Amino acid sequence: QVQLVESGGGLVQAGGSLRLSCAASGRTFSSYAMGWFRQTPGKEREFVAAVSWSGRSTSYADSVKGRFTISRDRAKKTGYLQMNSLKPEDTAVYYCAAVREGYYELVHRTPAEYDYWGQGTQVNVSS
């Protein structure tokens, strides 16, 4: 069983930066692939970024490519989403997610592929 807790959200002006963290419990978390998604009211959860269990493979939504960076610290059992050059359209609740892998260098881009979710952290970008 894995529990995920996000932090780092808040209010920032357009052009600013935030770093979200996703702290995980569980001894085998180093073998889990991770992802970040976001959601606004009335819309489906949207893929943002994903990283493989080893950290060697990453994937990004086109809307955030070049601005956001996903990473993980396996020793600290924490994942990160560095968000730069934020835009008002980045405003959403951001969720981290995890799924057990540990062999193939897979990144997962759909919510259905993940087994564990955090509670979400709100990010507001003002214009």
Foldseek 3Di string as FASTA:
>chain_A
DKAWAKDWADEEAAQAKIKMKIAMDDDPLLQKKKFKWWDDPPDDIFGAKIFHSPRPDMDGDPVQPPFWDWGDDSVRRMIMIIGGRDDQVVWTWMKMFIDGHRPDRDIDGDPVRTDYIYPTDTHGYHD
